[in-house]
Amino acid sequence: SLLCDYYQNKKFAGSGADGTRRGMGVDISLLSCQYFLAQILVSLVLGPLTSALGSANGVMYFSSLVSFLGCLYSSLFVIYEIPPSDAAEEEHRPLLLNV
């Protein structure tokens, strides 16, 4: 769905450095490769962690820590674009539509 949003964006030029147009299939294959690379990196980190601790509890602690850091990063450093809307219209809109 991210690729579809990306390709529907008017700012997307879709051209490479040499002027050739890159297709959606190339982008899908790149995202798939990144997904598998992430799985390989996770297995490289969690395999030795599990063998060092002797149980799977380290996996749970490590994944909790990484998910907390991801939430912290997305709340502090990611800027979300809010589409412009008419502020005056939103102030007069009722909270419950069927009342």
PDB file of N, CA and C in Angstrom:
ATOM      1  N   SER A   1       0.824  -1.192   0.000  1.00  0.00           N
ATOM      2  CA  SER A   1       0.000   0.000   0.000  1.00  0.00           C
ATOM      3  C   SER A   1       0.873   1.263   0.000  1.00  0.00           C
ATOM      4  N   LEU A   2       2.052   1.171   0.606  1.00  0.00           N
ATOM      5  CA  LEU A   2       2.954   2.323   0.570  1.00  0.00           C
ATOM      6  C   LEU A   2       3.404   2.636  -0.852  1.00  0.00           C
ATOM      7  N   LEU A   3       3.672   1.596  -1.621  1.00  0.00           N
ATOM      8  CA  LEU A   3       4.077   1.825  -3.008  1.00  0.00           C
ATOM      9  C   LEU A   3       2.957   2.437  -3.829  1.00  0.00           C
ATOM     10  N   CYS A   4       1.733   2.009  -3.597  1.00  0.00           N
ATOM     11  CA  CYS A   4       0.601   2.593  -4.327  1.00  0.00           C
ATOM     12  C   CYS A   4       0.447   4.074  -3.991  1.00  0.00           C
ATOM     13  N   ASP A   5       0.580   4.414  -2.707  1.00  0.00           N
ATOM     14  CA  ASP A   5       0.522   5.824  -2.325  1.00  0.00           C
ATOM     15  C   ASP A   5       1.665   6.608  -2.944  1.00  0.00           C
ATOM     16  N   TYR A   6       2.830   5.981  -3.003  1.00  0.00           N
ATOM     17  CA  TYR A   6       4.004   6.634  -3.569  1.00  0.00           C
ATOM     18  C   TYR A   6       3.820   6.896  -5.056  1.00  0.00           C
ATOM     19  N   TYR A   7       3.269   5.937  -5.769  1.00  0.00           N
ATOM     20  CA  TYR A   7       3.083   6.100  -7.202  1.00  0.00           C
ATOM     21  C   TYR A   7       1.927   7.032  -7.548  1.00  0.00           C
ATOM     22  N   GLN A   8       0.981   7.215  -6.639  1.00  0.00           N
ATOM     23  CA  GLN A   8      -0.120   8.141  -6.882  1.00  0.00           C
ATOM     24  C   GLN A   8       0.236   9.584  -6.528  1.00  0.00           C
ATOM     25  N   ASN A   9       1.362   9.787  -5.858  1.00  0.00           N
ATOM     26  CA  ASN A   9       1.802  11.119  -5.476  1.00  0.00           C
ATOM     27  C   ASN A   9       2.229  11.895  -6.728  1.00  0.00           C
ATOM     28  N   LYS A  10       1.808  13.129  -6.826  1.00  0.00           N
ATOM     29  CA  LYS A  10       2.126  13.959  -7.995  1.00  0.00           C
ATOM     30  C   LYS A  10       3.589  14.380  -8.031  1.00  0.00           C
ATOM     31  N   LYS A  11       4.268  14.388  -6.874  1.00  0.00           N
ATOM     32  CA  LYS A  11       5.668  14.803  -6.829  1.00  0.00           C
ATOM     33  C   LYS A  11       6.613  13.714  -7.322  1.00  0.00           C
ATOM     34  N   PHE A  12       6.126  12.481  -7.437  1.00  0.00           N
ATOM     35  CA  PHE A  12       6.976  11.367  -7.849  1.00  0.00           C
ATOM     36  C   PHE A  12       7.284  11.485  -9.328  1.00  0.00           C
ATOM     37  N   ALA A  13       8.570  11.583  -9.661  1.00  0.00           N
ATOM     38  CA  ALA A  13       8.974  11.716 -11.060  1.00  0.00           C
ATOM     39  C   ALA A  13       9.115  10.355 -11.718  1.00  0.00           C
ATOM     40  N   GLY A  14       9.573   9.357 -10.971  1.00  0.00           N
ATOM     41  CA  GLY A  14       9.691   8.006 -11.490  1.00  0.00           C
ATOM     42  C   GLY A  14      10.828   7.807 -12.465  1.00  0.00           C
ATOM     43  N   SER A  15      11.806   8.670 -12.477  1.00  0.00           N
ATOM     44  CA  SER A  15      12.911   8.503 -13.413  1.00  0.00           C
ATOM     45  C   SER A  15      14.202   8.313 -12.648  1.00  0.00           C
ATOM     46  N   GLY A  16      15.092   7.539 -13.225  1.00  0.00           N
ATOM     47  CA  GLY A  16      16.387   7.286 -12.619  1.00  0.00           C
ATOM     48  C   GLY A  16      17.382   8.355 -13.028  1.00  0.00           C
ATOM     49  N   ALA A  17      18.633   8.120 -12.700  1.00  0.00           N
ATOM     50  CA  ALA A  17      19.684   9.093 -13.006  1.00  0.00           C
ATOM     51  C   ALA A  17      19.942   9.190 -14.504  1.00  0.00           C
ATOM     52  N   ASP A  18      19.760   8.083 -15.216  1.00  0.00           N
ATOM     53  CA  ASP A  18      20.024   8.113 -16.653  1.00  0.00           C
ATOM     54  C   ASP A  18      18.780   8.457 -17.470  1.00  0.00           C
ATOM     55  N   GLY A  19      17.689   8.802 -16.829  1.00  0.00           N
ATOM     56  CA  GLY A  19      16.476   9.200 -17.533  1.00  0.00           C
ATOM     57  C   GLY A  19      15.519   8.067 -17.818  1.00  0.00           C
ATOM     58  N   THR A  20      15.857   6.832 -17.449  1.00  0.00           N
ATOM     59  CA  THR A  20      14.946   5.715 -17.669  1.00  0.00           C
ATOM     60  C   THR A  20      13.922   5.667 -16.557  1.00  0.00           C
ATOM     61  N   ARG A  21      12.749   5.209 -16.894  1.00  0.00           N
ATOM     62  CA  ARG A  21      11.665   5.152 -15.920  1.00  0.00           C
ATOM     63  C   ARG A  21      11.719   3.820 -15.172  1.00  0.00           C
ATOM     64  N   ARG A  22      11.686   3.899 -13.861  1.00  0.00           N
ATOM     65  CA  ARG A  22      11.695   2.704 -13.024  1.00  0.00           C
ATOM     66  C   ARG A  22      10.258   2.288 -12.778  1.00  0.00           C
ATOM     67  N   GLY A  23       9.967   1.018 -12.905  1.00  0.00           N
ATOM     68  CA  GLY A  23       8.606   0.538 -12.754  1.00  0.00           C
ATOM     69  C   GLY A  23       8.281   0.091 -11.346  1.00  0.00           C
ATOM     70  N   MET A  24       7.011  -0.185 -11.134  1.00  0.00           N
ATOM     71  CA  MET A  24       6.550  -0.613  -9.825  1.00  0.00           C
ATOM     72  C   MET A  24       7.082  -2.009  -9.481  1.00  0.00           C
ATOM     73  N   GLY A  25       7.285  -2.850 -10.481  1.00  0.00           N
ATOM     74  CA  GLY A  25       7.817  -4.187 -10.233  1.00  0.00           C
ATOM     75  C   GLY A  25       9.206  -4.158  -9.622  1.00  0.00           C
ATOM     76  N   VAL A  26      10.036  -3.233 -10.083  1.00  0.00           N
ATOM     77  CA  VAL A  26      11.382  -3.093  -9.522  1.00  0.00           C
ATOM     78  C   VAL A  26      11.294  -2.655  -8.067  1.00  0.00           C
ATOM     79  N   ASP A  27      10.399  -1.734  -7.778  1.00  0.00           N
ATOM     80  CA  ASP A  27      10.255  -1.269  -6.393  1.00  0.00           C
ATOM     81  C   ASP A  27       9.711  -2.366  -5.490  1.00  0.00           C
ATOM     82  N   ILE A  28       8.778  -3.174  -5.991  1.00  0.00           N
ATOM     83  CA  ILE A  28       8.248  -4.282  -5.190  1.00  0.00           C
ATOM     84  C   ILE A  28       9.351  -5.299  -4.898  1.00  0.00           C
ATOM     85  N   SER A  29      10.179  -5.596  -5.887  1.00  0.00           N
ATOM     86  CA  SER A  29      11.260  -6.559  -5.657  1.00  0.00           C
ATOM     87  C   SER A  29      12.298  -5.998  -4.677  1.00  0.00           C
ATOM     88  N   LEU A  30      12.561  -4.691  -4.731  1.00  0.00           N
ATOM     89  CA  LEU A  30      13.490  -4.093  -3.766  1.00  0.00           C
ATOM     90  C   LEU A  30      12.944  -4.169  -2.347  1.00  0.00           C
ATOM     91  N   LEU A  31      11.644  -3.916  -2.185  1.00  0.00           N
ATOM     92  CA  LEU A  31      11.050  -4.016  -0.853  1.00  0.00           C
ATOM     93  C   LEU A  31      11.059  -5.451  -0.344  1.00  0.00           C
ATOM     94  N   SER A  32      10.847  -6.409  -1.235  1.00  0.00           N
ATOM     95  CA  SER A  32      10.896  -7.815  -0.828  1.00  0.00           C
ATOM     96  C   SER A  32      12.296  -8.198  -0.378  1.00  0.00           C
ATOM     97  N   CYS A  33      13.301  -7.729  -1.091  1.00  0.00           N
ATOM     98  CA  CYS A  33      14.686  -8.018  -0.691  1.00  0.00           C
ATOM     99  C   CYS A  33      15.009  -7.386   0.655  1.00  0.00           C
ATOM    100  N   GLN A  34      14.505  -6.196   0.899  1.00  0.00           N
ATOM    101  CA  GLN A  34      14.749  -5.557   2.188  1.00  0.00           C
ATOM    102  C   GLN A  34      14.065  -6.314   3.315  1.00  0.00           C
ATOM    103  N   TYR A  35      12.881  -6.853   3.037  1.00  0.00           N
ATOM    104  CA  TYR A  35      12.171  -7.635   4.045  1.00  0.00           C
ATOM    105  C   TYR A  35      12.973  -8.880   4.410  1.00  0.00           C
ATOM    106  N   PHE A  36      13.486  -9.600   3.406  1.00  0.00           N
ATOM    107  CA  PHE A  36      14.259 -10.809   3.682  1.00  0.00           C
ATOM    108  C   PHE A  36      15.596 -10.483   4.344  1.00  0.00           C
ATOM    109  N   LEU A  37      16.192  -9.365   3.985  1.00  0.00           N
ATOM    110  CA  LEU A  37      17.424  -8.950   4.645  1.00  0.00           C
ATOM    111  C   LEU A  37      17.171  -8.661   6.116  1.00  0.00           C
ATOM    112  N   ALA A  38      16.037  -8.048   6.420  1.00  0.00           N
ATOM    113  CA  ALA A  38      15.692  -7.783   7.818  1.00  0.00           C
ATOM    114  C   ALA A  38      15.504  -9.089   8.581  1.00  0.00           C
ATOM    115  N   GLN A  39      14.904 -10.092   7.955  1.00  0.00           N
ATOM    116  CA  GLN A  39      14.738 -11.383   8.615  1.00  0.00           C
ATOM    117  C   GLN A  39      16.084 -12.052   8.878  1.00  0.00           C
ATOM    118  N   ILE A  40      17.000 -11.926   7.935  1.00  0.00           N
ATOM    119  CA  ILE A  40      18.337 -12.505   8.121  1.00  0.00           C
ATOM    120  C   ILE A  40      19.066 -11.806   9.263  1.00  0.00           C
ATOM    121  N   LEU A  41      18.957 -10.477   9.327  1.00  0.00           N
ATOM    122  CA  LEU A  41      19.621  -9.737  10.410  1.00  0.00           C
ATOM    123  C   LEU A  41      19.031 -10.094  11.768  1.00  0.00           C
ATOM    124  N   VAL A  42      17.716 -10.267  11.828  1.00  0.00           N
ATOM    125  CA  VAL A  42      17.081 -10.649  13.092  1.00  0.00           C
ATOM    126  C   VAL A  42      17.564 -12.023  13.528  1.00  0.00           C
ATOM    127  N   SER A  43      17.642 -12.966  12.594  1.00  0.00           N
ATOM    128  CA  SER A  43      18.105 -14.309  12.970  1.00  0.00           C
ATOM    129  C   SER A  43      19.577 -14.301  13.372  1.00  0.00           C
ATOM    130  N   LEU A  44      20.384 -13.434  12.752  1.00  0.00           N
ATOM    131  CA  LEU A  44      21.792 -13.349  13.146  1.00  0.00           C
ATOM    132  C   LEU A  44      21.965 -12.778  14.549  1.00  0.00           C
ATOM    133  N   VAL A  45      21.065 -11.897  14.955  1.00  0.00           N
ATOM    134  CA  VAL A  45      21.164 -11.302  16.297  1.00  0.00           C
ATOM    135  C   VAL A  45      20.546 -12.209  17.349  1.00  0.00           C
ATOM    136  N   LEU A  46      19.363 -12.753  17.056  1.00  0.00           N
ATOM    137  CA  LEU A  46      18.636 -13.499  18.083  1.00  0.00           C
ATOM    138  C   LEU A  46      19.142 -14.925  18.265  1.00  0.00           C
ATOM    139  N   GLY A  47      19.777 -15.495  17.243  1.00  0.00           N
ATOM    140  CA  GLY A  47      20.334 -16.839  17.404  1.00  0.00           C
ATOM    141  C   GLY A  47      21.412 -16.894  18.464  1.00  0.00           C
ATOM    142  N   PRO A  48      22.445 -16.072  18.358  1.00  0.00           N
ATOM    143  CA  PRO A  48      23.472 -16.070  19.420  1.00  0.00           C
ATOM    144  C   PRO A  48      22.939 -15.611  20.775  1.00  0.00           C
ATOM    145  N   LEU A  49      21.950 -14.714  20.781  1.00  0.00           N
ATOM    146  CA  LEU A  49      21.376 -14.264  22.047  1.00  0.00           C
ATOM    147  C   LEU A  49      20.664 -15.414  22.754  1.00  0.00           C
ATOM    148  N   THR A  50      19.928 -16.212  22.006  1.00  0.00           N
ATOM    149  CA  THR A  50      19.230 -17.354  22.593  1.00  0.00           C
ATOM    150  C   THR A  50      20.218 -18.400  23.093  1.00  0.00           C
ATOM    151  N   SER A  51      21.254 -18.653  22.318  1.00  0.00           N
ATOM    152  CA  SER A  51      22.228 -19.655  22.770  1.00  0.00           C
ATOM    153  C   SER A  51      23.050 -19.143  23.953  1.00  0.00           C
ATOM    154  N   ALA A  52      23.288 -17.848  24.035  1.00  0.00           N
ATOM    155  CA  ALA A  52      24.067 -17.308  25.161  1.00  0.00           C
ATOM    156  C   ALA A  52      23.265 -17.346  26.459  1.00  0.00           C
ATOM    157  N   LEU A  53      21.954 -17.041  26.372  1.00  0.00           N
ATOM    158  CA  LEU A  53      21.132 -17.034  27.574  1.00  0.00           C
ATOM    159  C   LEU A  53      20.581 -18.410  27.914  1.00  0.00           C
ATOM    160  N   GLY A  54      20.509 -19.299  26.926  1.00  0.00           N
ATOM    161  CA  GLY A  54      20.012 -20.643  27.179  1.00  0.00           C
ATOM    162  C   GLY A  54      18.504 -20.763  27.171  1.00  0.00           C
ATOM    163  N   SER A  55      17.800 -19.689  26.912  1.00  0.00           N
ATOM    164  CA  SER A  55      16.334 -19.745  26.839  1.00  0.00           C
ATOM    165  C   SER A  55      15.846 -18.688  25.859  1.00  0.00           C
ATOM    166  N   ALA A  56      14.550 -18.710  25.587  1.00  0.00           N
ATOM    167  CA  ALA A  56      13.960 -17.759  24.651  1.00  0.00           C
ATOM    168  C   ALA A  56      13.518 -16.470  25.327  1.00  0.00           C
ATOM    169  N   ASN A  57      13.796 -16.318  26.608  1.00  0.00           N
ATOM    170  CA  ASN A  57      13.406 -15.090  27.308  1.00  0.00           C
ATOM    171  C   ASN A  57      14.159 -13.876  26.770  1.00  0.00           C
ATOM    172  N   GLY A  58      15.383 -14.060  26.347  1.00  0.00           N
ATOM    173  CA  GLY A  58      16.162 -12.960  25.788  1.00  0.00           C
ATOM    174  C   GLY A  58      15.538 -12.404  24.519  1.00  0.00           C
ATOM    175  N   VAL A  59      14.913 -13.269  23.737  1.00  0.00           N
ATOM    176  CA  VAL A  59      14.226 -12.823  22.517  1.00  0.00           C
ATOM    177  C   VAL A  59      13.081 -11.894  22.872  1.00  0.00           C
ATOM    178  N   MET A  60      12.333 -12.264  23.907  1.00  0.00           N
ATOM    179  CA  MET A  60      11.203 -11.441  24.326  1.00  0.00           C
ATOM    180  C   MET A  60      11.679 -10.086  24.850  1.00  0.00           C
ATOM    181  N   TYR A  61      12.727 -10.082  25.636  1.00  0.00           N
ATOM    182  CA  TYR A  61      13.253  -8.821  26.164  1.00  0.00           C
ATOM    183  C   TYR A  61      13.843  -7.946  25.059  1.00  0.00           C
ATOM    184  N   PHE A  62      14.576  -8.566  24.155  1.00  0.00           N
ATOM    185  CA  PHE A  62      15.183  -7.823  23.060  1.00  0.00           C
ATOM    186  C   PHE A  62      14.124  -7.220  22.138  1.00  0.00           C
ATOM    187  N   SER A  63      13.105  -8.011  21.799  1.00  0.00           N
ATOM    188  CA  SER A  63      12.061  -7.483  20.913  1.00  0.00           C
ATOM    189  C   SER A  63      11.234  -6.405  21.606  1.00  0.00           C
ATOM    190  N   SER A  64      11.030  -6.527  22.910  1.00  0.00           N
ATOM    191  CA  SER A  64      10.332  -5.464  23.645  1.00  0.00           C
ATOM    192  C   SER A  64      11.143  -4.172  23.636  1.00  0.00           C
ATOM    193  N   LEU A  65      12.441  -4.286  23.820  1.00  0.00           N
ATOM    194  CA  LEU A  65      13.305  -3.116  23.805  1.00  0.00           C
ATOM    195  C   LEU A  65      13.316  -2.453  22.428  1.00  0.00           C
ATOM    196  N   VAL A  66      13.443  -3.248  21.383  1.00  0.00           N
ATOM    197  CA  VAL A  66      13.489  -2.693  20.038  1.00  0.00           C
ATOM    198  C   VAL A  66      12.150  -2.066  19.650  1.00  0.00           C
ATOM    199  N   SER A  67      11.035  -2.684  20.033  1.00  0.00           N
ATOM    200  CA  SER A  67       9.736  -2.079  19.717  1.00  0.00           C
ATOM    201  C   SER A  67       9.520  -0.785  20.489  1.00  0.00           C
ATOM    202  N   PHE A  68      10.005  -0.727  21.738  1.00  0.00           N
ATOM    203  CA  PHE A  68       9.921   0.523  22.497  1.00  0.00           C
ATOM    204  C   PHE A  68      10.747   1.619  21.842  1.00  0.00           C
ATOM    205  N   LEU A  69      11.953   1.269  21.385  1.00  0.00           N
ATOM    206  CA  LEU A  69      12.797   2.258  20.704  1.00  0.00           C
ATOM    207  C   LEU A  69      12.162   2.714  19.389  1.00  0.00           C
ATOM    208  N   GLY A  70      11.496   1.813  18.693  1.00  0.00           N
ATOM    209  CA  GLY A  70      10.789   2.184  17.468  1.00  0.00           C
ATOM    210  C   GLY A  70       9.644   3.140  17.745  1.00  0.00           C
ATOM    211  N   CYS A  71       8.885   2.871  18.797  1.00  0.00           N
ATOM    212  CA  CYS A  71       7.793   3.788  19.176  1.00  0.00           C
ATOM    213  C   CYS A  71       8.333   5.144  19.596  1.00  0.00           C
ATOM    214  N   LEU A  72       9.408   5.136  20.339  1.00  0.00           N
ATOM    215  CA  LEU A  72      10.028   6.384  20.776  1.00  0.00           C
ATOM    216  C   LEU A  72      10.525   7.182  19.579  1.00  0.00           C
ATOM    217  N   TYR A  73      11.176   6.509  18.649  1.00  0.00           N
ATOM    218  CA  TYR A  73      11.688   7.187  17.464  1.00  0.00           C
ATOM    219  C   TYR A  73      10.541   7.762  16.626  1.00  0.00           C
ATOM    220  N   SER A  74       9.487   6.976  16.410  1.00  0.00           N
ATOM    221  CA  SER A  74       8.393   7.466  15.571  1.00  0.00           C
ATOM    222  C   SER A  74       7.628   8.597  16.237  1.00  0.00           C
ATOM    223  N   SER A  75       7.592   8.630  17.559  1.00  0.00           N
ATOM    224  CA  SER A  75       6.875   9.719  18.220  1.00  0.00           C
ATOM    225  C   SER A  75       7.699  10.994  18.320  1.00  0.00           C
ATOM    226  N   LEU A  76       9.035  10.881  18.315  1.00  0.00           N
ATOM    227  CA  LEU A  76       9.867  12.064  18.490  1.00  0.00           C
ATOM    228  C   LEU A  76      10.482  12.606  17.202  1.00  0.00           C
ATOM    229  N   PHE A  77      10.799  11.744  16.252  1.00  0.00           N
ATOM    230  CA  PHE A  77      11.587  12.177  15.106  1.00  0.00           C
ATOM    231  C   PHE A  77      10.884  12.116  13.762  1.00  0.00           C
ATOM    232  N   VAL A  78       9.727  11.478  13.674  1.00  0.00           N
ATOM    233  CA  VAL A  78       9.018  11.376  12.402  1.00  0.00           C
ATOM    234  C   VAL A  78       8.004  12.509  12.314  1.00  0.00           C
ATOM    235  N   ILE A  79       7.999  13.199  11.194  1.00  0.00           N
ATOM    236  CA  ILE A  79       7.054  14.292  10.978  1.00  0.00           C
ATOM    237  C   ILE A  79       5.934  13.775  10.079  1.00  0.00           C
ATOM    238  N   TYR A  80       4.733  13.772  10.603  1.00  0.00           N
ATOM    239  CA  TYR A  80       3.581  13.298   9.848  1.00  0.00           C
ATOM    240  C   TYR A  80       2.899  14.483   9.179  1.00  0.00           C
ATOM    241  N   GLU A  81       2.583  14.336   7.913  1.00  0.00           N
ATOM    242  CA  GLU A  81       1.900  15.402   7.185  1.00  0.00           C
ATOM    243  C   GLU A  81       0.397  15.275   7.407  1.00  0.00           C
ATOM    244  N   ILE A  82      -0.203  16.353   7.871  1.00  0.00           N
ATOM    245  CA  ILE A  82      -1.641  16.388   8.070  1.00  0.00           C
ATOM    246  C   ILE A  82      -2.236  17.140   6.890  1.00  0.00           C
ATOM    247  N   PRO A  83      -3.174  16.524   6.172  1.00  0.00           N
ATOM    248  CA  PRO A  83      -3.740  17.221   5.020  1.00  0.00           C
ATOM    249  C   PRO A  83      -4.491  18.470   5.463  1.00  0.00           C
ATOM    250  N   PRO A  84      -4.387  19.534   4.684  1.00  0.00           N
ATOM    251  CA  PRO A  84      -5.070  20.772   5.073  1.00  0.00           C
ATOM    252  C   PRO A  84      -6.584  20.593   5.033  1.00  0.00           C
ATOM    253  N   SER A  85      -7.231  21.193   5.992  1.00  0.00           N
ATOM    254  CA  SER A  85      -8.692  21.139   6.041  1.00  0.00           C
ATOM    255  C   SER A  85      -9.208  22.492   6.501  1.00  0.00           C
ATOM    256  N   ASP A  86     -10.478  22.678   6.327  1.00  0.00           N
ATOM    257  CA  ASP A  86     -11.106  23.924   6.727  1.00  0.00           C
ATOM    258  C   ASP A  86     -11.340  23.880   8.236  1.00  0.00           C
ATOM    259  N   ALA A  87     -10.612  24.699   8.989  1.00  0.00           N
ATOM    260  CA  ALA A  87     -10.692  24.671  10.450  1.00  0.00           C
ATOM    261  C   ALA A  87     -12.051  25.143  10.953  1.00  0.00           C
ATOM    262  N   ALA A  88     -12.641  26.103  10.274  1.00  0.00           N
ATOM    263  CA  ALA A  88     -13.937  26.611  10.716  1.00  0.00           C
ATOM    264  C   ALA A  88     -15.021  25.558  10.556  1.00  0.00           C
ATOM    265  N   GLU A  89     -14.926  24.746   9.519  1.00  0.00           N
ATOM    266  CA  GLU A  89     -15.922  23.706   9.296  1.00  0.00           C
ATOM    267  C   GLU A  89     -15.814  22.611  10.348  1.00  0.00           C
ATOM    268  N   GLU A  90     -14.598  22.284  10.782  1.00  0.00           N
ATOM    269  CA  GLU A  90     -14.406  21.245  11.785  1.00  0.00           C
ATOM    270  C   GLU A  90     -14.908  21.682  13.156  1.00  0.00           C
ATOM    271  N   GLU A  91     -14.856  22.978  13.464  1.00  0.00           N
ATOM    272  CA  GLU A  91     -15.311  23.441  14.769  1.00  0.00           C
ATOM    273  C   GLU A  91     -16.810  23.287  14.941  1.00  0.00           C
ATOM    274  N   HIS A  92     -17.556  23.374  13.864  1.00  0.00           N
ATOM    275  CA  HIS A  92     -19.013  23.303  13.930  1.00  0.00           C
ATOM    276  C   HIS A  92     -19.542  21.905  13.635  1.00  0.00           C
ATOM    277  N   ARG A  93     -18.677  20.964  13.372  1.00  0.00           N
ATOM    278  CA  ARG A  93     -19.095  19.601  13.078  1.00  0.00           C
ATOM    279  C   ARG A  93     -19.433  18.890  14.385  1.00  0.00           C
ATOM    280  N   PRO A  94     -20.601  18.237  14.500  1.00  0.00           N
ATOM    281  CA  PRO A  94     -20.947  17.558  15.743  1.00  0.00           C
ATOM    282  C   PRO A  94     -20.095  16.290  15.929  1.00  0.00           C
ATOM    283  N   LEU A  95     -19.889  15.931  17.195  1.00  0.00           N
ATOM    284  CA  LEU A  95     -19.118  14.743  17.487  1.00  0.00           C
ATOM    285  C   LEU A  95     -19.891  13.477  17.147  1.00  0.00           C
ATOM    286  N   LEU A  96     -21.171  13.461  17.448  1.00  0.00           N
ATOM    287  CA  LEU A  96     -22.029  12.326  17.130  1.00  0.00           C
ATOM    288  C   LEU A  96     -22.955  12.724  15.979  1.00  0.00           C
ATOM    289  N   LEU A  97     -22.943  11.954  14.921  1.00  0.00           N
ATOM    290  CA  LEU A  97     -23.718  12.316  13.748  1.00  0.00           C
ATOM    291  C   LEU A  97     -25.196  11.953  13.855  1.00  0.00           C
ATOM    292  N   ASN A  98     -25.555  10.948  14.651  1.00  0.00           N
ATOM    293  CA  ASN A  98     -26.940  10.484  14.711  1.00  0.00           C
ATOM    294  C   ASN A  98     -27.690  11.019  15.916  1.00  0.00           C
ATOM    295  N   VAL A  99     -27.248  12.089  16.510  1.00  0.00           N
ATOM    296  CA  VAL A  99     -27.919  12.625  17.698  1.00  0.00           C
ATOM    297  C   VAL A  99     -28.847  13.734  17.296  1.00  0.00           C
TER     298      VAL A  99
END
